[in-house]
Amino acid sequence: MIDMILAHPHIFWLSLGGLLLAAEMLGGNGYLLWSGVAGVITGLLTWILPVSWEWQAVIFCVLMLLAVWLWSKWLARQVKEQKPADSRLNQRGQQLVGQRFTLDNALVNGRGQVRVGDSAWPVIADEDFPAGAKIEVVAVEGITLRVRLLPGAKH
């Protein structure tokens, strides 16, 4: 087996690259993708240009580091271009900031609830508002919405 690898090192690199890519398909985290690609490219280069095992290892390491660096640059650009609403995807309270609602019940001591879709959210304000007041969500404090009276709304 070792004699075959020494006689045909490209088979080793192509097999290693293929195994790493297959393992990546099982896991799907992206950790083994670039190692597998580097292994396949090293195998192809070793097949075309026979080089010593030391240089094969250097080629593999350089290709892997280069691929990971390029991937991280691309990923950082994708995150930077992400829409602001996407960053609040699983933060329902943050999605409500800026939304306007009408109070069903009056706020007493600056506390109450507002109906949002099919649920009720606790709200706080600096003062009491009557039922039917138009409010706007200005912040989220834990699971409580901080609201203010809309300008021009009756107090």
N, C-alpha and C. Protein backbone atom coordinates (compact mmCIF):
# COMPACT_ATOMS: atom_id res chain seq x y z
N MET A 1 0.82 -1.19 0.00
CA MET A 1 0.00 0.00 0.00
C MET A 1 0.86 1.26 0.00
N ILE A 2 1.86 1.29 0.88
CA ILE A 2 2.76 2.45 0.95
C ILE A 2 3.53 2.58 -0.35
N ASP A 3 3.93 1.44 -0.94
CA ASP A 3 4.66 1.49 -2.22
C ASP A 3 3.80 2.13 -3.31
N MET A 4 2.49 1.80 -3.31
CA MET A 4 1.60 2.37 -4.32
C MET A 4 1.46 3.89 -4.11
N ILE A 5 1.35 4.34 -2.85
CA ILE A 5 1.23 5.77 -2.58
C ILE A 5 2.50 6.49 -2.98
N LEU A 6 3.66 5.88 -2.72
CA LEU A 6 4.92 6.51 -3.11
C LEU A 6 5.08 6.54 -4.62
N ALA A 7 4.59 5.53 -5.30
CA ALA A 7 4.69 5.49 -6.77
C ALA A 7 3.67 6.41 -7.42
N HIS A 8 2.48 6.57 -6.82
CA HIS A 8 1.41 7.41 -7.39
C HIS A 8 0.82 8.31 -6.31
N PRO A 9 1.55 9.35 -5.92
CA PRO A 9 1.08 10.20 -4.82
C PRO A 9 -0.22 10.94 -5.16
N HIS A 10 -0.48 11.15 -6.45
CA HIS A 10 -1.71 11.87 -6.82
C HIS A 10 -2.95 11.09 -6.39
N ILE A 11 -2.85 9.75 -6.37
CA ILE A 11 -3.98 8.94 -5.93
C ILE A 11 -4.28 9.20 -4.46
N PHE A 12 -3.22 9.35 -3.66
CA PHE A 12 -3.40 9.67 -2.24
C PHE A 12 -4.12 11.00 -2.07
N TRP A 13 -3.66 12.05 -2.78
CA TRP A 13 -4.25 13.38 -2.62
C TRP A 13 -5.68 13.44 -3.15
N LEU A 14 -5.91 12.78 -4.29
CA LEU A 14 -7.27 12.75 -4.82
C LEU A 14 -8.21 11.99 -3.88
N SER A 15 -7.72 10.89 -3.31
CA SER A 15 -8.54 10.12 -2.37
C SER A 15 -8.80 10.91 -1.10
N LEU A 16 -7.76 11.56 -0.58
CA LEU A 16 -7.92 12.38 0.63
C LEU A 16 -8.91 13.51 0.38
N GLY A 17 -8.76 14.19 -0.75
CA GLY A 17 -9.69 15.27 -1.09
C GLY A 17 -11.11 14.77 -1.21
N GLY A 18 -11.28 13.63 -1.87
CA GLY A 18 -12.61 13.06 -2.02
C GLY A 18 -13.22 12.65 -0.69
N LEU A 19 -12.42 12.06 0.17
CA LEU A 19 -12.92 11.67 1.50
C LEU A 19 -13.31 12.89 2.33
N LEU A 20 -12.50 13.94 2.25
CA LEU A 20 -12.84 15.16 3.00
C LEU A 20 -14.12 15.80 2.46
N LEU A 21 -14.29 15.79 1.14
CA LEU A 21 -15.52 16.34 0.56
C LEU A 21 -16.73 15.48 0.92
N ALA A 22 -16.56 14.17 0.95
CA ALA A 22 -17.66 13.29 1.35
C ALA A 22 -18.01 13.51 2.81
N ALA A 23 -17.00 13.66 3.66
CA ALA A 23 -17.25 13.92 5.08
C ALA A 23 -17.95 15.26 5.25
N GLU A 24 -17.61 16.25 4.42
CA GLU A 24 -18.28 17.55 4.47
C GLU A 24 -19.76 17.41 4.12
N MET A 25 -20.07 16.56 3.17
CA MET A 25 -21.47 16.36 2.79
C MET A 25 -22.25 15.73 3.94
N LEU A 26 -21.61 14.92 4.75
CA LEU A 26 -22.30 14.32 5.90
C LEU A 26 -22.53 15.33 7.00
N GLY A 27 -21.57 16.24 7.20
CA GLY A 27 -21.68 17.21 8.27
C GLY A 27 -22.31 18.51 7.82
N GLY A 28 -21.81 19.07 6.76
CA GLY A 28 -22.37 20.28 6.20
C GLY A 28 -22.05 21.57 6.94
N ASN A 29 -20.97 21.60 7.72
CA ASN A 29 -20.61 22.83 8.44
C ASN A 29 -19.65 23.71 7.66
N GLY A 30 -19.04 23.20 6.63
CA GLY A 30 -18.10 23.98 5.85
C GLY A 30 -16.66 23.84 6.29
N TYR A 31 -16.40 23.12 7.37
CA TYR A 31 -15.04 23.01 7.88
C TYR A 31 -14.14 22.18 6.97
N LEU A 32 -14.69 21.13 6.38
CA LEU A 32 -13.87 20.22 5.59
C LEU A 32 -13.89 20.53 4.11
N LEU A 33 -14.75 21.44 3.69
CA LEU A 33 -14.90 21.76 2.27
C LEU A 33 -13.58 22.22 1.66
N TRP A 34 -12.97 23.20 2.30
CA TRP A 34 -11.77 23.79 1.71
C TRP A 34 -10.57 22.87 1.82
N SER A 35 -10.52 22.03 2.84
CA SER A 35 -9.45 21.02 2.92
C SER A 35 -9.62 20.00 1.79
N GLY A 36 -10.86 19.61 1.52
CA GLY A 36 -11.12 18.67 0.44
C GLY A 36 -10.77 19.25 -0.92
N VAL A 37 -11.14 20.50 -1.16
CA VAL A 37 -10.80 21.16 -2.43
C VAL A 37 -9.29 21.27 -2.58
N ALA A 38 -8.60 21.64 -1.49
CA ALA A 38 -7.14 21.73 -1.55
C ALA A 38 -6.52 20.36 -1.83
N GLY A 39 -7.08 19.29 -1.26
CA GLY A 39 -6.56 17.94 -1.51
C GLY A 39 -6.74 17.54 -2.97
N VAL A 40 -7.90 17.83 -3.54
CA VAL A 40 -8.15 17.48 -4.94
C VAL A 40 -7.21 18.27 -5.86
N ILE A 41 -7.06 19.56 -5.62
CA ILE A 41 -6.17 20.38 -6.46
C ILE A 41 -4.73 19.92 -6.31
N THR A 42 -4.31 19.59 -5.09
CA THR A 42 -2.96 19.06 -4.88
C THR A 42 -2.77 17.75 -5.64
N GLY A 43 -3.78 16.89 -5.64
CA GLY A 43 -3.70 15.64 -6.39
C GLY A 43 -3.57 15.88 -7.88
N LEU A 44 -4.35 16.84 -8.41
CA LEU A 44 -4.25 17.14 -9.84
C LEU A 44 -2.90 17.74 -10.19
N LEU A 45 -2.39 18.64 -9.35
CA LEU A 45 -1.07 19.23 -9.61
C LEU A 45 0.04 18.18 -9.51
N THR A 46 -0.08 17.28 -8.55
CA THR A 46 0.93 16.22 -8.39
C THR A 46 0.88 15.24 -9.56
N TRP A 47 -0.28 15.05 -10.12
CA TRP A 47 -0.43 14.18 -11.28
C TRP A 47 0.25 14.81 -12.50
N ILE A 48 0.10 16.11 -12.66
CA ILE A 48 0.67 16.81 -13.81
C ILE A 48 2.15 17.09 -13.61
N LEU A 49 2.51 17.60 -12.43
CA LEU A 49 3.89 17.96 -12.12
C LEU A 49 4.40 17.13 -10.95
N PRO A 50 5.11 16.05 -11.20
CA PRO A 50 5.61 15.23 -10.10
C PRO A 50 6.57 16.03 -9.22
N VAL A 51 6.23 16.18 -7.95
CA VAL A 51 7.08 16.89 -6.99
C VAL A 51 7.26 16.01 -5.76
N SER A 52 8.25 16.35 -4.93
CA SER A 52 8.54 15.54 -3.73
C SER A 52 7.39 15.68 -2.73
N TRP A 53 7.35 14.77 -1.76
CA TRP A 53 6.26 14.77 -0.79
C TRP A 53 6.28 16.02 0.08
N GLU A 54 7.48 16.59 0.30
CA GLU A 54 7.56 17.81 1.09
C GLU A 54 6.83 18.95 0.39
N TRP A 55 7.07 19.07 -0.93
CA TRP A 55 6.42 20.14 -1.70
C TRP A 55 4.93 19.87 -1.85
N GLN A 56 4.56 18.61 -1.90
CA GLN A 56 3.13 18.29 -1.96
C GLN A 56 2.42 18.78 -0.69
N ALA A 57 3.06 18.57 0.46
CA ALA A 57 2.47 19.03 1.72
C ALA A 57 2.40 20.56 1.76
N VAL A 58 3.44 21.22 1.25
CA VAL A 58 3.44 22.69 1.21
C VAL A 58 2.33 23.20 0.30
N ILE A 59 2.19 22.57 -0.87
CA ILE A 59 1.13 22.97 -1.81
C ILE A 59 -0.24 22.80 -1.16
N PHE A 60 -0.44 21.67 -0.50
CA PHE A 60 -1.72 21.41 0.17
C PHE A 60 -2.01 22.47 1.23
N CYS A 61 -1.04 22.76 2.07
CA CYS A 61 -1.24 23.74 3.15
C CYS A 61 -1.50 25.13 2.59
N VAL A 62 -0.73 25.54 1.59
CA VAL A 62 -0.92 26.87 1.00
C VAL A 62 -2.29 26.97 0.35
N LEU A 63 -2.68 25.96 -0.41
CA LEU A 63 -4.00 25.98 -1.05
C LEU A 63 -5.12 26.01 -0.02
N MET A 64 -4.97 25.24 1.04
CA MET A 64 -6.01 25.22 2.06
C MET A 64 -6.12 26.58 2.76
N LEU A 65 -4.99 27.16 3.13
CA LEU A 65 -5.02 28.48 3.78
C LEU A 65 -5.55 29.56 2.84
N LEU A 66 -5.17 29.49 1.58
CA LEU A 66 -5.66 30.46 0.60
C LEU A 66 -7.17 30.33 0.41
N ALA A 67 -7.65 29.12 0.32
CA ALA A 67 -9.08 28.90 0.13
C ALA A 67 -9.87 29.38 1.35
N VAL A 68 -9.39 29.09 2.54
CA VAL A 68 -10.07 29.53 3.76
C VAL A 68 -10.05 31.05 3.86
N TRP A 69 -8.94 31.68 3.51
CA TRP A 69 -8.85 33.14 3.56
C TRP A 69 -9.83 33.77 2.57
N LEU A 70 -9.86 33.25 1.34
CA LEU A 70 -10.80 33.79 0.34
C LEU A 70 -12.25 33.58 0.77
N TRP A 71 -12.55 32.42 1.35
CA TRP A 71 -13.90 32.14 1.83
C TRP A 71 -14.29 33.11 2.95
N SER A 72 -13.37 33.37 3.87
CA SER A 72 -13.70 34.27 4.98
C SER A 72 -13.92 35.69 4.48
N LYS A 73 -13.16 36.12 3.47
CA LYS A 73 -13.37 37.45 2.88
C LYS A 73 -14.74 37.53 2.22
N TRP A 74 -15.11 36.49 1.46
CA TRP A 74 -16.40 36.47 0.78
C TRP A 74 -17.54 36.47 1.80
N LEU A 75 -17.38 35.66 2.86
CA LEU A 75 -18.40 35.56 3.89
C LEU A 75 -18.57 36.87 4.64
N ALA A 76 -17.46 37.56 4.93
CA ALA A 76 -17.54 38.85 5.62
C ALA A 76 -18.28 39.87 4.76
N ARG A 77 -18.07 39.83 3.45
CA ARG A 77 -18.77 40.74 2.54
C ARG A 77 -20.26 40.43 2.51
N GLN A 78 -20.61 39.14 2.55
CA GLN A 78 -22.02 38.76 2.55
C GLN A 78 -22.72 39.23 3.82
N VAL A 79 -22.04 39.11 4.95
CA VAL A 79 -22.63 39.54 6.22
C VAL A 79 -22.81 41.05 6.22
N LYS A 80 -21.84 41.78 5.66
CA LYS A 80 -21.92 43.24 5.62
C LYS A 80 -23.07 43.71 4.72
N GLU A 81 -23.35 42.98 3.65
CA GLU A 81 -24.41 43.36 2.72
C GLU A 81 -25.78 42.88 3.17
N GLN A 82 -25.85 42.19 4.30
CA GLN A 82 -27.11 41.65 4.78
C GLN A 82 -28.07 42.78 5.15
N LYS A 83 -29.32 42.59 4.83
CA LYS A 83 -30.34 43.60 5.12
C LYS A 83 -30.55 43.70 6.63
N PRO A 84 -30.85 44.91 7.13
CA PRO A 84 -31.05 45.07 8.58
C PRO A 84 -32.17 44.20 9.13
N ALA A 85 -33.24 44.01 8.38
CA ALA A 85 -34.36 43.20 8.88
C ALA A 85 -33.92 41.75 9.08
N ASP A 86 -32.96 41.27 8.26
CA ASP A 86 -32.50 39.89 8.38
C ASP A 86 -31.79 39.67 9.71
N SER A 87 -31.12 40.69 10.24
CA SER A 87 -30.39 40.52 11.48
C SER A 87 -31.33 40.43 12.68
N ARG A 88 -32.60 40.78 12.50
CA ARG A 88 -33.58 40.70 13.59
C ARG A 88 -34.56 39.56 13.35
N LEU A 89 -34.20 38.62 12.52
CA LEU A 89 -35.12 37.59 12.09
C LEU A 89 -35.80 36.86 13.24
N ASN A 90 -35.07 36.43 14.21
CA ASN A 90 -35.64 35.67 15.33
C ASN A 90 -35.78 36.51 16.59
N GLN A 91 -35.83 37.82 16.44
CA GLN A 91 -36.00 38.72 17.56
C GLN A 91 -37.29 39.51 17.35
N ARG A 92 -38.38 38.87 17.69
CA ARG A 92 -39.69 39.44 17.41
C ARG A 92 -39.86 40.82 18.01
N GLY A 93 -39.41 41.02 19.24
CA GLY A 93 -39.54 42.32 19.88
C GLY A 93 -38.83 43.42 19.11
N GLN A 94 -37.62 43.14 18.63
CA GLN A 94 -36.87 44.14 17.87
C GLN A 94 -37.57 44.48 16.56
N GLN A 95 -38.30 43.54 16.00
CA GLN A 95 -39.04 43.80 14.76
C GLN A 95 -40.20 44.76 15.00
N LEU A 96 -40.64 44.89 16.24
CA LEU A 96 -41.78 45.75 16.54
C LEU A 96 -41.40 47.21 16.75
N VAL A 97 -40.10 47.48 16.92
CA VAL A 97 -39.67 48.87 17.13
C VAL A 97 -40.06 49.69 15.90
N GLY A 98 -40.74 50.82 16.16
CA GLY A 98 -41.20 51.68 15.08
C GLY A 98 -42.63 51.39 14.64
N GLN A 99 -43.19 50.26 15.08
CA GLN A 99 -44.56 49.91 14.72
C GLN A 99 -45.54 50.75 15.54
N ARG A 100 -46.70 50.99 14.96
CA ARG A 100 -47.73 51.79 15.63
C ARG A 100 -48.96 50.93 15.90
N PHE A 101 -49.54 51.16 17.08
CA PHE A 101 -50.69 50.38 17.51
C PHE A 101 -51.69 51.29 18.20
N THR A 102 -52.88 50.75 18.43
CA THR A 102 -53.92 51.43 19.19
C THR A 102 -54.16 50.64 20.46
N LEU A 103 -54.17 51.35 21.59
CA LEU A 103 -54.38 50.68 22.88
C LEU A 103 -55.84 50.25 23.01
N ASP A 104 -56.06 48.99 23.37
CA ASP A 104 -57.41 48.51 23.65
C ASP A 104 -57.83 48.91 25.06
N ASN A 105 -56.87 48.89 25.99
CA ASN A 105 -57.13 49.24 27.39
C ASN A 105 -56.17 50.35 27.79
N ALA A 106 -56.57 51.14 28.75
CA ALA A 106 -55.74 52.25 29.22
C ALA A 106 -54.49 51.73 29.93
N LEU A 107 -53.43 52.54 29.87
CA LEU A 107 -52.23 52.25 30.65
C LEU A 107 -52.44 52.83 32.04
N VAL A 108 -52.21 52.03 33.05
CA VAL A 108 -52.34 52.45 34.44
C VAL A 108 -50.96 52.39 35.08
N ASN A 109 -50.55 53.50 35.68
CA ASN A 109 -49.21 53.63 36.24
C ASN A 109 -48.14 53.36 35.18
N GLY A 110 -48.45 53.72 33.93
CA GLY A 110 -47.50 53.56 32.83
C GLY A 110 -47.34 52.14 32.35
N ARG A 111 -48.23 51.23 32.79
CA ARG A 111 -48.12 49.83 32.39
C ARG A 111 -49.43 49.32 31.82
N GLY A 112 -49.32 48.37 30.91
CA GLY A 112 -50.49 47.78 30.32
C GLY A 112 -50.10 46.75 29.28
N GLN A 113 -51.03 46.51 28.34
CA GLN A 113 -50.77 45.54 27.27
C GLN A 113 -51.28 46.12 25.95
N VAL A 114 -50.66 45.66 24.88
CA VAL A 114 -51.12 46.04 23.55
C VAL A 114 -51.26 44.76 22.73
N ARG A 115 -52.26 44.73 21.88
CA ARG A 115 -52.52 43.57 21.03
C ARG A 115 -51.66 43.69 19.77
N VAL A 116 -50.83 42.66 19.51
CA VAL A 116 -49.99 42.61 18.32
C VAL A 116 -50.32 41.30 17.62
N GLY A 117 -51.07 41.40 16.54
CA GLY A 117 -51.49 40.20 15.84
C GLY A 117 -52.39 39.36 16.72
N ASP A 118 -51.97 38.13 16.99
CA ASP A 118 -52.79 37.24 17.82
C ASP A 118 -52.24 37.11 19.23
N SER A 119 -51.35 38.01 19.64
CA SER A 119 -50.79 37.94 20.98
C SER A 119 -50.85 39.31 21.66
N ALA A 120 -50.65 39.30 22.95
CA ALA A 120 -50.63 40.54 23.73
C ALA A 120 -49.23 40.73 24.29
N TRP A 121 -48.72 41.95 24.18
CA TRP A 121 -47.39 42.27 24.67
C TRP A 121 -47.51 43.24 25.83
N PRO A 122 -46.72 43.04 26.89
CA PRO A 122 -46.70 44.02 27.96
C PRO A 122 -46.02 45.30 27.47
N VAL A 123 -46.57 46.46 27.87
CA VAL A 123 -45.99 47.74 27.47
C VAL A 123 -45.78 48.61 28.69
N ILE A 124 -44.79 49.49 28.59
CA ILE A 124 -44.56 50.50 29.62
C ILE A 124 -44.38 51.84 28.94
N ALA A 125 -44.74 52.89 29.68
CA ALA A 125 -44.59 54.25 29.18
C ALA A 125 -44.27 55.14 30.38
N ASP A 126 -43.86 56.36 30.10
CA ASP A 126 -43.53 57.29 31.16
C ASP A 126 -44.77 57.88 31.82
N GLU A 127 -45.92 57.75 31.18
CA GLU A 127 -47.16 58.29 31.73
C GLU A 127 -48.32 57.38 31.33
N ASP A 128 -49.49 57.67 31.85
CA ASP A 128 -50.68 56.89 31.53
C ASP A 128 -51.29 57.37 30.21
N PHE A 129 -51.82 56.43 29.42
CA PHE A 129 -52.52 56.75 28.18
C PHE A 129 -53.90 56.14 28.25
N PRO A 130 -54.92 56.80 27.68
CA PRO A 130 -56.27 56.25 27.71
C PRO A 130 -56.43 55.15 26.66
N ALA A 131 -57.48 54.35 26.81
CA ALA A 131 -57.81 53.34 25.80
C ALA A 131 -58.09 54.05 24.49
N GLY A 132 -57.66 53.48 23.39
CA GLY A 132 -57.86 54.07 22.07
C GLY A 132 -56.73 55.00 21.65
N ALA A 133 -55.74 55.22 22.52
CA ALA A 133 -54.62 56.10 22.18
C ALA A 133 -53.74 55.43 21.14
N LYS A 134 -53.22 56.24 20.23
CA LYS A 134 -52.29 55.76 19.20
C LYS A 134 -50.88 55.83 19.77
N ILE A 135 -50.19 54.68 19.77
CA ILE A 135 -48.85 54.61 20.34
C ILE A 135 -47.85 54.07 19.32
N GLU A 136 -46.59 54.30 19.62
CA GLU A 136 -45.50 53.79 18.78
C GLU A 136 -44.49 53.10 19.68
N VAL A 137 -43.99 51.96 19.25
CA VAL A 137 -42.97 51.23 20.02
C VAL A 137 -41.63 51.90 19.75
N VAL A 138 -40.94 52.31 20.83
CA VAL A 138 -39.66 52.99 20.68
C VAL A 138 -38.48 52.13 21.12
N ALA A 139 -38.73 51.11 21.94
CA ALA A 139 -37.64 50.24 22.40
C ALA A 139 -38.24 48.95 22.95
N VAL A 140 -37.36 47.98 23.13
CA VAL A 140 -37.75 46.71 23.74
C VAL A 140 -36.85 46.49 24.95
N GLU A 141 -37.48 46.24 26.09
CA GLU A 141 -36.74 45.99 27.33
C GLU A 141 -37.13 44.60 27.82
N GLY A 142 -36.31 43.63 27.47
CA GLY A 142 -36.64 42.24 27.77
C GLY A 142 -37.80 41.81 26.88
N ILE A 143 -38.95 41.50 27.49
CA ILE A 143 -40.13 41.14 26.71
C ILE A 143 -41.18 42.25 26.76
N THR A 144 -40.79 43.40 27.27
CA THR A 144 -41.71 44.52 27.43
C THR A 144 -41.40 45.59 26.39
N LEU A 145 -42.45 46.09 25.77
CA LEU A 145 -42.30 47.14 24.76
C LEU A 145 -42.40 48.51 25.43
N ARG A 146 -41.42 49.37 25.21
CA ARG A 146 -41.50 50.76 25.68
C ARG A 146 -42.17 51.54 24.56
N VAL A 147 -43.22 52.28 24.92
CA VAL A 147 -44.02 53.00 23.93
C VAL A 147 -44.09 54.48 24.25
N ARG A 148 -44.47 55.25 23.26
CA ARG A 148 -44.72 56.68 23.43
C ARG A 148 -46.00 57.01 22.69
N LEU A 149 -46.61 58.09 23.10
CA LEU A 149 -47.83 58.57 22.46
C LEU A 149 -47.45 59.21 21.14
N LEU A 150 -48.15 58.88 20.09
CA LEU A 150 -47.85 59.47 18.79
C LEU A 150 -48.14 60.95 18.81
N PRO A 151 -47.32 61.77 18.17
CA PRO A 151 -47.58 63.20 18.10
C PRO A 151 -48.94 63.46 17.47
N GLY A 152 -49.71 64.36 18.06
CA GLY A 152 -51.02 64.69 17.53
C GLY A 152 -52.11 63.77 18.04
N ALA A 153 -51.76 62.72 18.76
CA ALA A 153 -52.77 61.82 19.31
C ALA A 153 -53.33 62.41 20.59
N LYS A 154 -54.55 62.11 20.90
CA LYS A 154 -55.20 62.63 22.11
C LYS A 154 -54.60 61.97 23.32
N HIS A 155 -54.46 62.75 24.37
CA HIS A 155 -53.93 62.21 25.61
C HIS A 155 -55.00 62.06 26.62
